[in-house]
Amino acid sequence: MLVKVRQGAELSGAEKEFVDCLRSFPITCLAAIDLHVGENGTRRIDAVLFTPRGITVVAVKGFRRRQGGIFTIVDGAWKISEAPIELDDPSSTGPSDQLEQAVYAVRKKLERALLDPGHVCGVVALVPPRGVVVRPARTNLRPGLDVVVANVPDATELRIYIEGFSAAARDWTADRVGAAVRALGMENGPSRAELIADGFAANAPSVRAAALPHTRPPKPRPAPKRSSAPQSVGAWVAVAVAVAGVLAVSGVVVSAWLHDTEGPESAVEQTSTVEPSPPARTPRNCMPFQADC
């Protein structure tokens, strides 16, 4: 875990505790602490975390007094055991709104530097005094925005969040992280060698290698076995029987066809003889009582 604090930064007690939490994590991540972005660097960002899968903006909030119990958010109001939460932040803007504004400022700063930030997540880190327990240790505000409770003795949920806040591809290489840190105005950022030593890739993964899964080559088909002599004789006998059957059927069909062809001609010859019609007679005029009429 690389932690880089801006030169001349003045950190609060909660921010120092947060930095100590980060330095205890054996994970691949760069934490850039106390960045100034926006117009002329007027907006202060508590921390930006870079992992091989993406970036998340952190708003660190401490407590004005020892306040432990059950953390809830009811109608936008942050409470601990039904009492309003008392943070060491004098701003009148709620922590949720502050986080959204910080995420927007970081994304726009990178886009103006012609860098693709991808999906930028955000988290409010509540840092109670040591010995004070606040639960649940993680609460979701909305997709991409969370609240995590952490101090040095109780930093498990923070580590789980950092390792899994993004499910994107491992596209953040050492060069890309270095360019983003410089675009955010950190002059004492890490070197390329430091980022590679921390676990960031030196080069982007191949698109073809990432798209095509590793597959095993197909097994060769076994060669067909040579048939034995009895099997060959049996095969030839079967072929001969089949050919004889085909010839027999063909002979029956041809014989039936010839018989049907001769039948109609003989029928025509038998019915062609007709009897002659009697000769026509001319009518005669006869007298009454004439004998031969």
C-alpha atoms as a PDB file:
ATOM      1  CA  MET A   1       0.000   0.000   0.000  1.00  0.00           C
ATOM      2  CA  LEU A   2       1.471   3.323  -1.075  1.00  0.00           C
ATOM      3  CA  VAL A   3       0.443   6.418   0.878  1.00  0.00           C
ATOM      4  CA  LYS A   4       1.473   9.827  -0.437  1.00  0.00           C
ATOM      5  CA  VAL A   5       0.589  12.981   1.522  1.00  0.00           C
ATOM      6  CA  ARG A   6       0.773  16.350  -0.211  1.00  0.00           C
ATOM      7  CA  GLN A   7       3.712  18.451   0.854  1.00  0.00           C
ATOM      8  CA  GLY A   8       2.680  21.011   3.456  1.00  0.00           C
ATOM      9  CA  ALA A   9      -0.602  19.239   4.266  1.00  0.00           C
ATOM     10  CA  GLU A  10      -2.136  19.860   7.691  1.00  0.00           C
ATOM     11  CA  LEU A  11      -4.108  16.770   8.637  1.00  0.00           C
ATOM     12  CA  SER A  12      -6.730  16.505  11.351  1.00  0.00           C
ATOM     13  CA  GLY A  13      -6.615  13.828  14.026  1.00  0.00           C
ATOM     14  CA  ALA A  14      -9.177  11.731  12.130  1.00  0.00           C
ATOM     15  CA  GLU A  15      -7.201  12.037   8.893  1.00  0.00           C
ATOM     16  CA  LYS A  16      -3.982  10.943  10.613  1.00  0.00           C
ATOM     17  CA  GLU A  17      -5.812   7.915  12.041  1.00  0.00           C
ATOM     18  CA  PHE A  18      -7.152   7.142   8.572  1.00  0.00           C
ATOM     19  CA  VAL A  19      -3.632   7.302   7.097  1.00  0.00           C
ATOM     20  CA  ASP A  20      -2.373   4.913   9.784  1.00  0.00           C
ATOM     21  CA  CYS A  21      -5.156   2.479   8.824  1.00  0.00           C
ATOM     22  CA  LEU A  22      -4.124   2.580   5.173  1.00  0.00           C
ATOM     23  CA  ARG A  23      -0.445   2.003   5.870  1.00  0.00           C
ATOM     24  CA  SER A  24      -1.272  -1.245   7.666  1.00  0.00           C
ATOM     25  CA  PHE A  25      -2.934  -2.832   4.590  1.00  0.00           C
ATOM     26  CA  PRO A  26      -0.772  -5.199   2.474  1.00  0.00           C
ATOM     27  CA  ILE A  27      -2.742  -4.544  -0.721  1.00  0.00           C
ATOM     28  CA  THR A  28      -2.078  -2.953  -4.115  1.00  0.00           C
ATOM     29  CA  CYS A  29      -3.357   0.596  -3.750  1.00  0.00           C
ATOM     30  CA  LEU A  30      -2.150   4.189  -3.903  1.00  0.00           C
ATOM     31  CA  ALA A  31      -3.641   6.699  -1.461  1.00  0.00           C
ATOM     32  CA  ALA A  32      -3.175  10.339  -2.459  1.00  0.00           C
ATOM     33  CA  ILE A  33      -3.913  12.427   0.656  1.00  0.00           C
ATOM     34  CA  ASP A  34      -4.983  16.092   0.780  1.00  0.00           C
ATOM     35  CA  LEU A  35      -5.486  17.009  -2.872  1.00  0.00           C
ATOM     36  CA  HIS A  36      -6.635  20.421  -4.107  1.00  0.00           C
ATOM     37  CA  VAL A  37      -8.735  20.455  -7.274  1.00  0.00           C
ATOM     38  CA  GLY A  38     -11.473  22.600  -8.752  1.00  0.00           C
ATOM     39  CA  GLU A  39     -11.011  26.148  -9.973  1.00  0.00           C
ATOM     40  CA  ASN A  40      -7.528  27.305  -8.889  1.00  0.00           C
ATOM     41  CA  GLY A  41      -7.338  24.412  -6.435  1.00  0.00           C
ATOM     42  CA  THR A  42     -10.048  25.775  -4.181  1.00  0.00           C
ATOM     43  CA  ARG A  43     -11.711  22.429  -3.410  1.00  0.00           C
ATOM     44  CA  ARG A  44      -9.920  20.182  -0.948  1.00  0.00           C
ATOM     45  CA  ILE A  45     -10.207  16.423  -1.356  1.00  0.00           C
ATOM     46  CA  ASP A  46      -9.349  14.393   1.742  1.00  0.00           C
ATOM     47  CA  ALA A  47      -8.099  11.359  -0.188  1.00  0.00           C
ATOM     48  CA  VAL A  48      -8.261   9.585  -3.540  1.00  0.00           C
ATOM     49  CA  LEU A  49      -7.536   5.850  -3.624  1.00  0.00           C
ATOM     50  CA  PHE A  50      -6.244   4.178  -6.792  1.00  0.00           C
ATOM     51  CA  THR A  51      -6.420   0.400  -7.262  1.00  0.00           C
ATOM     52  CA  PRO A  52      -5.824  -1.646 -10.425  1.00  0.00           C
ATOM     53  CA  ARG A  53      -9.619  -1.770 -10.919  1.00  0.00           C
ATOM     54  CA  GLY A  54     -10.603   1.871 -10.383  1.00  0.00           C
ATOM     55  CA  ILE A  55     -10.574   4.925  -8.141  1.00  0.00           C
ATOM     56  CA  THR A  56     -12.645   6.064  -5.182  1.00  0.00           C
ATOM     57  CA  VAL A  57     -12.850   9.463  -3.484  1.00  0.00           C
ATOM     58  CA  VAL A  58     -12.770   9.540   0.325  1.00  0.00           C
ATOM     59  CA  ALA A  59     -14.300  12.114   2.674  1.00  0.00           C
ATOM     60  CA  VAL A  60     -12.787  11.578   6.148  1.00  0.00           C
ATOM     61  CA  LYS A  61     -14.965  12.588   9.118  1.00  0.00           C
ATOM     62  CA  GLY A  62     -14.021  12.506  12.796  1.00  0.00           C
ATOM     63  CA  PHE A  63     -16.162  12.967  15.928  1.00  0.00           C
ATOM     64  CA  ARG A  64     -16.331  15.921  18.320  1.00  0.00           C
ATOM     65  CA  ARG A  65     -16.948  13.586  21.263  1.00  0.00           C
ATOM     66  CA  ARG A  66     -16.946   9.883  22.082  1.00  0.00           C
ATOM     67  CA  GLN A  67     -20.163   8.753  20.464  1.00  0.00           C
ATOM     68  CA  GLY A  68     -20.785   5.040  19.942  1.00  0.00           C
ATOM     69  CA  GLY A  69     -23.760   2.849  19.114  1.00  0.00           C
ATOM     70  CA  ILE A  70     -25.933   1.975  16.125  1.00  0.00           C
ATOM     71  CA  PHE A  71     -25.401   4.160  13.069  1.00  0.00           C
ATOM     72  CA  THR A  72     -28.521   4.958  11.007  1.00  0.00           C
ATOM     73  CA  ILE A  73     -29.584   7.384   8.306  1.00  0.00           C
ATOM     74  CA  VAL A  74     -33.218   8.478   8.679  1.00  0.00           C
ATOM     75  CA  ASP A  75     -34.657  10.943   6.130  1.00  0.00           C
ATOM     76  CA  GLY A  76     -31.167  12.208   5.354  1.00  0.00           C
ATOM     77  CA  ALA A  77     -30.242  12.733   9.011  1.00  0.00           C
ATOM     78  CA  TRP A  78     -27.218  10.819  10.300  1.00  0.00           C
ATOM     79  CA  LYS A  79     -27.723   9.422  13.786  1.00  0.00           C
ATOM     80  CA  ILE A  80     -25.984   7.164  16.296  1.00  0.00           C
ATOM     81  CA  SER A  81     -28.345   5.409  18.723  1.00  0.00           C
ATOM     82  CA  GLU A  82     -31.154   7.863  17.837  1.00  0.00           C
ATOM     83  CA  ALA A  83     -28.965  10.886  18.658  1.00  0.00           C
ATOM     84  CA  PRO A  84     -27.735  13.238  15.905  1.00  0.00           C
ATOM     85  CA  ILE A  85     -24.177  12.459  14.921  1.00  0.00           C
ATOM     86  CA  GLU A  86     -21.650  15.103  15.991  1.00  0.00           C
ATOM     87  CA  LEU A  87     -18.825  15.349  13.458  1.00  0.00           C
ATOM     88  CA  ASP A  88     -15.741  17.540  13.660  1.00  0.00           C
ATOM     89  CA  ASP A  89     -16.728  19.263  10.416  1.00  0.00           C
ATOM     90  CA  PRO A  90     -17.868  22.889  10.697  1.00  0.00           C
ATOM     91  CA  SER A  91     -19.423  22.838   7.211  1.00  0.00           C
ATOM     92  CA  SER A  92     -23.179  23.234   6.963  1.00  0.00           C
ATOM     93  CA  THR A  93     -23.292  20.857   3.996  1.00  0.00           C
ATOM     94  CA  GLY A  94     -24.153  17.267   4.879  1.00  0.00           C
ATOM     95  CA  PRO A  95     -21.492  14.573   4.440  1.00  0.00           C
ATOM     96  CA  SER A  96     -23.442  12.896   1.615  1.00  0.00           C
ATOM     97  CA  ASP A  97     -23.564  16.114  -0.404  1.00  0.00           C
ATOM     98  CA  GLN A  98     -19.901  16.832   0.315  1.00  0.00           C
ATOM     99  CA  LEU A  99     -18.949  13.396  -0.987  1.00  0.00           C
ATOM    100  CA  GLU A 100     -20.964  13.798  -4.195  1.00  0.00           C
ATOM    101  CA  GLN A 101     -19.354  17.185  -4.851  1.00  0.00           C
ATOM    102  CA  ALA A 102     -15.878  15.744  -4.281  1.00  0.00           C
ATOM    103  CA  VAL A 103     -16.525  12.830  -6.658  1.00  0.00           C
ATOM    104  CA  TYR A 104     -17.762  15.245  -9.322  1.00  0.00           C
ATOM    105  CA  ALA A 105     -14.726  17.527  -8.905  1.00  0.00           C
ATOM    106  CA  VAL A 106     -12.229  14.666  -9.237  1.00  0.00           C
ATOM    107  CA  ARG A 107     -13.969  13.223 -12.303  1.00  0.00           C
ATOM    108  CA  LYS A 108     -14.078  16.599 -14.070  1.00  0.00           C
ATOM    109  CA  LYS A 109     -10.436  17.325 -13.234  1.00  0.00           C
ATOM    110  CA  LEU A 110      -9.327  14.075 -14.864  1.00  0.00           C
ATOM    111  CA  GLU A 111     -11.570  14.562 -17.895  1.00  0.00           C
ATOM    112  CA  ARG A 112     -10.135  18.043 -18.496  1.00  0.00           C
ATOM    113  CA  ALA A 113      -6.689  16.457 -18.511  1.00  0.00           C
ATOM    114  CA  LEU A 114      -7.947  14.119 -21.282  1.00  0.00           C
ATOM    115  CA  LEU A 115      -7.867  11.110 -18.963  1.00  0.00           C
ATOM    116  CA  ASP A 116     -10.700   8.597 -18.781  1.00  0.00           C
ATOM    117  CA  PRO A 117     -11.552   8.188 -15.073  1.00  0.00           C
ATOM    118  CA  GLY A 118     -14.090   5.446 -15.664  1.00  0.00           C
ATOM    119  CA  HIS A 119     -16.691   5.055 -12.933  1.00  0.00           C
ATOM    120  CA  VAL A 120     -15.569   7.068  -9.884  1.00  0.00           C
ATOM    121  CA  CYS A 121     -16.844   5.726  -6.556  1.00  0.00           C
ATOM    122  CA  GLY A 122     -17.001   7.545  -3.241  1.00  0.00           C
ATOM    123  CA  VAL A 123     -16.941   6.694   0.464  1.00  0.00           C
ATOM    124  CA  VAL A 124     -17.352   8.600   3.729  1.00  0.00           C
ATOM    125  CA  ALA A 125     -14.848   7.288   6.270  1.00  0.00           C
ATOM    126  CA  LEU A 126     -16.202   7.751   9.798  1.00  0.00           C
ATOM    127  CA  VAL A 127     -13.236   7.626  12.192  1.00  0.00           C
ATOM    128  CA  PRO A 128     -14.381   7.289  15.820  1.00  0.00           C
ATOM    129  CA  PRO A 129     -11.896   7.548  18.712  1.00  0.00           C
ATOM    130  CA  ARG A 130     -10.119   4.326  19.578  1.00  0.00           C
ATOM    131  CA  GLY A 131     -12.197   2.180  21.884  1.00  0.00           C
ATOM    132  CA  VAL A 132     -15.511   3.534  20.564  1.00  0.00           C
ATOM    133  CA  VAL A 133     -17.604   1.029  18.594  1.00  0.00           C
ATOM    134  CA  VAL A 134     -19.979   2.148  15.841  1.00  0.00           C
ATOM    135  CA  ARG A 135     -22.029  -0.411  13.930  1.00  0.00           C
ATOM    136  CA  PRO A 136     -22.763  -1.350  11.215  1.00  0.00           C
ATOM    137  CA  ALA A 137     -19.245  -0.851   9.965  1.00  0.00           C
ATOM    138  CA  ARG A 138     -20.489  -0.316   6.404  1.00  0.00           C
ATOM    139  CA  THR A 139     -23.624   1.344   5.036  1.00  0.00           C
ATOM    140  CA  ASN A 140     -24.623   1.923   1.423  1.00  0.00           C
ATOM    141  CA  LEU A 141     -25.886   5.403   0.577  1.00  0.00           C
ATOM    142  CA  ARG A 142     -26.671   4.686  -3.073  1.00  0.00           C
ATOM    143  CA  PRO A 143     -24.960   2.741  -5.874  1.00  0.00           C
ATOM    144  CA  GLY A 144     -21.301   3.760  -5.854  1.00  0.00           C
ATOM    145  CA  LEU A 145     -21.450   5.702  -2.557  1.00  0.00           C
ATOM    146  CA  ASP A 146     -20.855   4.108   0.855  1.00  0.00           C
ATOM    147  CA  VAL A 147     -20.104   4.871   4.499  1.00  0.00           C
ATOM    148  CA  VAL A 148     -17.337   2.912   6.254  1.00  0.00           C
ATOM    149  CA  VAL A 149     -16.415   3.063   9.948  1.00  0.00           C
ATOM    150  CA  ALA A 150     -12.702   2.585  10.624  1.00  0.00           C
ATOM    151  CA  ASN A 151      -9.886   3.263  13.043  1.00  0.00           C
ATOM    152  CA  VAL A 152      -6.617   1.434  13.573  1.00  0.00           C
ATOM    153  CA  PRO A 153      -7.993  -1.301  15.895  1.00  0.00           C
ATOM    154  CA  ASP A 154     -11.115  -1.785  13.754  1.00  0.00           C
ATOM    155  CA  ALA A 155     -10.162  -1.377  10.080  1.00  0.00           C
ATOM    156  CA  THR A 156     -11.317  -4.693   8.607  1.00  0.00           C
ATOM    157  CA  GLU A 157     -14.349  -3.284   6.811  1.00  0.00           C
ATOM    158  CA  LEU A 158     -12.278  -0.483   5.291  1.00  0.00           C
ATOM    159  CA  ARG A 159      -9.827  -2.986   3.827  1.00  0.00           C
ATOM    160  CA  ILE A 160     -12.687  -5.104   2.435  1.00  0.00           C
ATOM    161  CA  TYR A 161     -14.155  -1.990   0.823  1.00  0.00           C
ATOM    162  CA  ILE A 162     -10.868  -0.968  -0.818  1.00  0.00           C
ATOM    163  CA  GLU A 163     -10.315  -4.445  -2.237  1.00  0.00           C
ATOM    164  CA  GLY A 164     -13.820  -4.758  -3.686  1.00  0.00           C
ATOM    165  CA  PHE A 165     -15.407  -1.351  -4.342  1.00  0.00           C
ATOM    166  CA  SER A 166     -14.974  -1.834  -8.106  1.00  0.00           C
ATOM    167  CA  ALA A 167     -15.491  -4.943 -10.245  1.00  0.00           C
ATOM    168  CA  ALA A 168     -14.031  -3.378 -13.397  1.00  0.00           C
ATOM    169  CA  ALA A 169     -11.136  -4.813 -15.368  1.00  0.00           C
ATOM    170  CA  ARG A 170      -7.584  -4.261 -14.135  1.00  0.00           C
ATOM    171  CA  ASP A 171      -7.000  -1.310 -16.470  1.00  0.00           C
ATOM    172  CA  TRP A 172      -5.241   1.072 -14.074  1.00  0.00           C
ATOM    173  CA  THR A 173      -1.581   0.559 -14.896  1.00  0.00           C
ATOM    174  CA  ALA A 174       1.400   2.312 -13.328  1.00  0.00           C
ATOM    175  CA  ASP A 175       1.533   4.870 -16.158  1.00  0.00           C
ATOM    176  CA  ARG A 176      -2.181   5.615 -15.974  1.00  0.00           C
ATOM    177  CA  VAL A 177      -2.116   6.081 -12.194  1.00  0.00           C
ATOM    178  CA  GLY A 178       0.938   8.340 -12.412  1.00  0.00           C
ATOM    179  CA  ALA A 179      -0.727  10.530 -15.042  1.00  0.00           C
ATOM    180  CA  ALA A 180      -3.914  10.805 -12.959  1.00  0.00           C
ATOM    181  CA  VAL A 181      -1.998  11.800  -9.811  1.00  0.00           C
ATOM    182  CA  ARG A 182      -0.154  14.520 -11.704  1.00  0.00           C
ATOM    183  CA  ALA A 183      -3.420  15.767 -13.208  1.00  0.00           C
ATOM    184  CA  LEU A 184      -4.851  16.094  -9.687  1.00  0.00           C
ATOM    185  CA  GLY A 185      -1.990  18.408  -8.737  1.00  0.00           C
ATOM    186  CA  MET A 186       0.167  16.174  -6.523  1.00  0.00           C
ATOM    187  CA  GLU A 187       3.786  17.134  -7.143  1.00  0.00           C
ATOM    188  CA  ASN A 188       5.333  14.527  -4.845  1.00  0.00           C
ATOM    189  CA  GLY A 189       3.471  11.580  -6.332  1.00  0.00           C
ATOM    190  CA  PRO A 190       4.955   8.090  -6.582  1.00  0.00           C
ATOM    191  CA  SER A 191       7.387   7.081  -9.284  1.00  0.00           C
ATOM    192  CA  ARG A 192       6.599   4.456 -11.888  1.00  0.00           C
ATOM    193  CA  ALA A 193       8.981   2.038 -10.212  1.00  0.00           C
ATOM    194  CA  GLU A 194       7.202   2.473  -6.864  1.00  0.00           C
ATOM    195  CA  LEU A 195       3.825   1.760  -8.433  1.00  0.00           C
ATOM    196  CA  ILE A 196       5.095  -1.364 -10.185  1.00  0.00           C
ATOM    197  CA  ALA A 197       6.721  -2.561  -6.961  1.00  0.00           C
ATOM    198  CA  ASP A 198       3.391  -2.074  -5.172  1.00  0.00           C
ATOM    199  CA  GLY A 199       1.644  -4.352  -7.673  1.00  0.00           C
ATOM    200  CA  PHE A 200       0.392  -2.126 -10.505  1.00  0.00           C
ATOM    201  CA  ALA A 201       0.927  -3.546 -13.991  1.00  0.00           C
ATOM    202  CA  ALA A 202       3.619  -1.989 -16.156  1.00  0.00           C
ATOM    203  CA  ASN A 203       1.529  -2.345 -19.323  1.00  0.00           C
ATOM    204  CA  ALA A 204      -2.158  -2.688 -20.082  1.00  0.00           C
ATOM    205  CA  PRO A 205      -3.336  -6.280 -20.598  1.00  0.00           C
ATOM    206  CA  SER A 206      -3.767  -7.418 -24.191  1.00  0.00           C
ATOM    207  CA  VAL A 207      -7.335  -7.006 -25.436  1.00  0.00           C
ATOM    208  CA  ARG A 208      -7.239 -10.335 -27.256  1.00  0.00           C
ATOM    209  CA  ALA A 209      -5.754 -12.112 -24.261  1.00  0.00           C
ATOM    210  CA  ALA A 210      -8.406 -10.640 -21.998  1.00  0.00           C
ATOM    211  CA  ALA A 211     -11.285 -11.412 -24.366  1.00  0.00           C
ATOM    212  CA  LEU A 212     -10.403 -14.996 -25.210  1.00  0.00           C
ATOM    213  CA  PRO A 213     -10.434 -17.449 -22.314  1.00  0.00           C
ATOM    214  CA  HIS A 214      -7.765 -20.100 -22.099  1.00  0.00           C
ATOM    215  CA  THR A 215      -9.019 -23.333 -23.612  1.00  0.00           C
ATOM    216  CA  ARG A 216      -7.398 -26.705 -23.861  1.00  0.00           C
ATOM    217  CA  PRO A 217      -6.645 -28.074 -27.345  1.00  0.00           C
ATOM    218  CA  PRO A 218      -9.095 -30.782 -28.455  1.00  0.00           C
ATOM    219  CA  LYS A 219      -8.020 -34.348 -27.931  1.00  0.00           C
ATOM    220  CA  PRO A 220      -7.098 -36.198 -31.163  1.00  0.00           C
ATOM    221  CA  ARG A 221      -9.603 -38.773 -32.287  1.00  0.00           C
ATOM    222  CA  PRO A 222      -8.396 -42.378 -32.023  1.00  0.00           C
ATOM    223  CA  ALA A 223      -7.588 -44.088 -35.344  1.00  0.00           C
ATOM    224  CA  PRO A 224     -10.199 -46.659 -36.446  1.00  0.00           C
ATOM    225  CA  LYS A 225      -9.227 -50.260 -35.786  1.00  0.00           C
ATOM    226  CA  ARG A 226      -8.634 -52.564 -38.754  1.00  0.00           C
ATOM    227  CA  SER A 227     -11.342 -55.189 -39.099  1.00  0.00           C
ATOM    228  CA  SER A 228     -10.431 -58.865 -38.787  1.00  0.00           C
ATOM    229  CA  ALA A 229     -10.846 -61.470 -41.593  1.00  0.00           C
ATOM    230  CA  PRO A 230     -14.162 -62.944 -40.298  1.00  0.00           C
ATOM    231  CA  GLN A 231     -15.598 -59.452 -39.995  1.00  0.00           C
ATOM    232  CA  SER A 232     -14.554 -58.643 -43.591  1.00  0.00           C
ATOM    233  CA  VAL A 233     -16.158 -61.839 -44.954  1.00  0.00           C
ATOM    234  CA  GLY A 234     -19.362 -61.144 -43.051  1.00  0.00           C
ATOM    235  CA  ALA A 235     -19.480 -57.611 -44.419  1.00  0.00           C
ATOM    236  CA  TRP A 236     -19.095 -58.820 -48.018  1.00  0.00           C
ATOM    237  CA  VAL A 237     -21.831 -61.461 -47.524  1.00  0.00           C
ATOM    238  CA  ALA A 238     -24.180 -58.787 -46.207  1.00  0.00           C
ATOM    239  CA  VAL A 239     -23.435 -56.574 -49.210  1.00  0.00           C
ATOM    240  CA  ALA A 240     -24.070 -59.469 -51.644  1.00  0.00           C
ATOM    241  CA  VAL A 241     -27.410 -60.317 -50.009  1.00  0.00           C
ATOM    242  CA  ALA A 242     -28.454 -56.680 -50.178  1.00  0.00           C
ATOM    243  CA  VAL A 243     -27.550 -56.449 -53.894  1.00  0.00           C
ATOM    244  CA  ALA A 244     -29.452 -59.677 -54.674  1.00  0.00           C
ATOM    245  CA  GLY A 245     -32.509 -58.365 -52.878  1.00  0.00           C
ATOM    246  CA  VAL A 246     -32.374 -55.115 -54.843  1.00  0.00           C
ATOM    247  CA  LEU A 247     -32.116 -57.028 -58.168  1.00  0.00           C
ATOM    248  CA  ALA A 248     -35.054 -59.287 -57.247  1.00  0.00           C
ATOM    249  CA  VAL A 249     -37.265 -56.355 -56.380  1.00  0.00           C
ATOM    250  CA  SER A 250     -36.239 -54.600 -59.601  1.00  0.00           C
ATOM    251  CA  GLY A 251     -37.200 -57.716 -61.655  1.00  0.00           C
ATOM    252  CA  VAL A 252     -40.647 -57.887 -60.074  1.00  0.00           C
ATOM    253  CA  VAL A 253     -41.237 -54.205 -60.766  1.00  0.00           C
ATOM    254  CA  VAL A 254     -40.181 -54.525 -64.443  1.00  0.00           C
ATOM    255  CA  SER A 255     -42.359 -57.633 -64.980  1.00  0.00           C
ATOM    256  CA  ALA A 256     -45.395 -55.909 -63.523  1.00  0.00           C
ATOM    257  CA  TRP A 257     -44.799 -52.895 -65.708  1.00  0.00           C
ATOM    258  CA  LEU A 258     -44.617 -55.013 -68.916  1.00  0.00           C
ATOM    259  CA  HIS A 259     -47.811 -56.875 -68.008  1.00  0.00           C
ATOM    260  CA  ASP A 260     -49.683 -53.631 -67.479  1.00  0.00           C
ATOM    261  CA  THR A 261     -48.413 -52.344 -70.832  1.00  0.00           C
ATOM    262  CA  GLU A 262     -49.720 -55.347 -72.928  1.00  0.00           C
ATOM    263  CA  GLY A 263     -53.150 -55.548 -71.290  1.00  0.00           C
ATOM    264  CA  PRO A 264     -54.879 -52.530 -72.829  1.00  0.00           C
ATOM    265  CA  GLU A 265     -53.902 -53.434 -76.440  1.00  0.00           C
ATOM    266  CA  SER A 266     -55.560 -56.907 -76.272  1.00  0.00           C
ATOM    267  CA  ALA A 267     -58.639 -55.406 -74.763  1.00  0.00           C
ATOM    268  CA  VAL A 268     -58.891 -53.001 -77.669  1.00  0.00           C
ATOM    269  CA  GLU A 269     -58.626 -55.852 -80.243  1.00  0.00           C
ATOM    270  CA  GLN A 270     -61.402 -57.905 -78.580  1.00  0.00           C
ATOM    271  CA  THR A 271     -63.895 -55.051 -78.535  1.00  0.00           C
ATOM    272  CA  SER A 272     -63.159 -53.694 -82.053  1.00  0.00           C
ATOM    273  CA  THR A 273     -65.745 -56.023 -83.971  1.00  0.00           C
ATOM    274  CA  VAL A 274     -69.181 -54.445 -84.617  1.00  0.00           C
ATOM    275  CA  GLU A 275     -72.353 -55.801 -86.338  1.00  0.00           C
ATOM    276  CA  PRO A 276     -73.361 -54.180 -89.696  1.00  0.00           C
ATOM    277  CA  SER A 277     -76.477 -52.064 -89.636  1.00  0.00           C
ATOM    278  CA  PRO A 278     -79.484 -53.084 -91.870  1.00  0.00           C
ATOM    279  CA  PRO A 279     -79.745 -51.357 -95.273  1.00  0.00           C
ATOM    280  CA  ALA A 280     -82.016 -48.402 -95.535  1.00  0.00           C
ATOM    281  CA  ARG A 281     -85.424 -48.987 -97.268  1.00  0.00           C
ATOM    282  CA  THR A 282     -87.220 -46.582 -99.568  1.00  0.00           C
ATOM    283  CA  PRO A 283     -90.859 -45.984 -98.609  1.00  0.00           C
ATOM    284  CA  ARG A 284     -93.474 -47.242-101.157  1.00  0.00           C
ATOM    285  CA  ASN A 285     -97.016 -46.062-101.870  1.00  0.00           C
ATOM    286  CA  CYS A 286     -99.490 -49.014-101.690  1.00  0.00           C
ATOM    287  CA  MET A 287    -103.085 -49.264-102.782  1.00  0.00           C
ATOM    288  CA  PRO A 288    -105.702 -50.685-100.499  1.00  0.00           C
ATOM    289  CA  PHE A 289    -105.792 -54.502-100.409  1.00  0.00           C
ATOM    290  CA  GLN A 290    -102.539 -54.721-102.544  1.00  0.00           C
ATOM    291  CA  ALA A 291    -100.987 -58.193-101.902  1.00  0.00           C
ATOM    292  CA  ASP A 292     -97.249 -57.436-102.254  1.00  0.00           C
ATOM    293  CA  CYS A 293     -97.253 -54.173-100.270  1.00  0.00           C
END
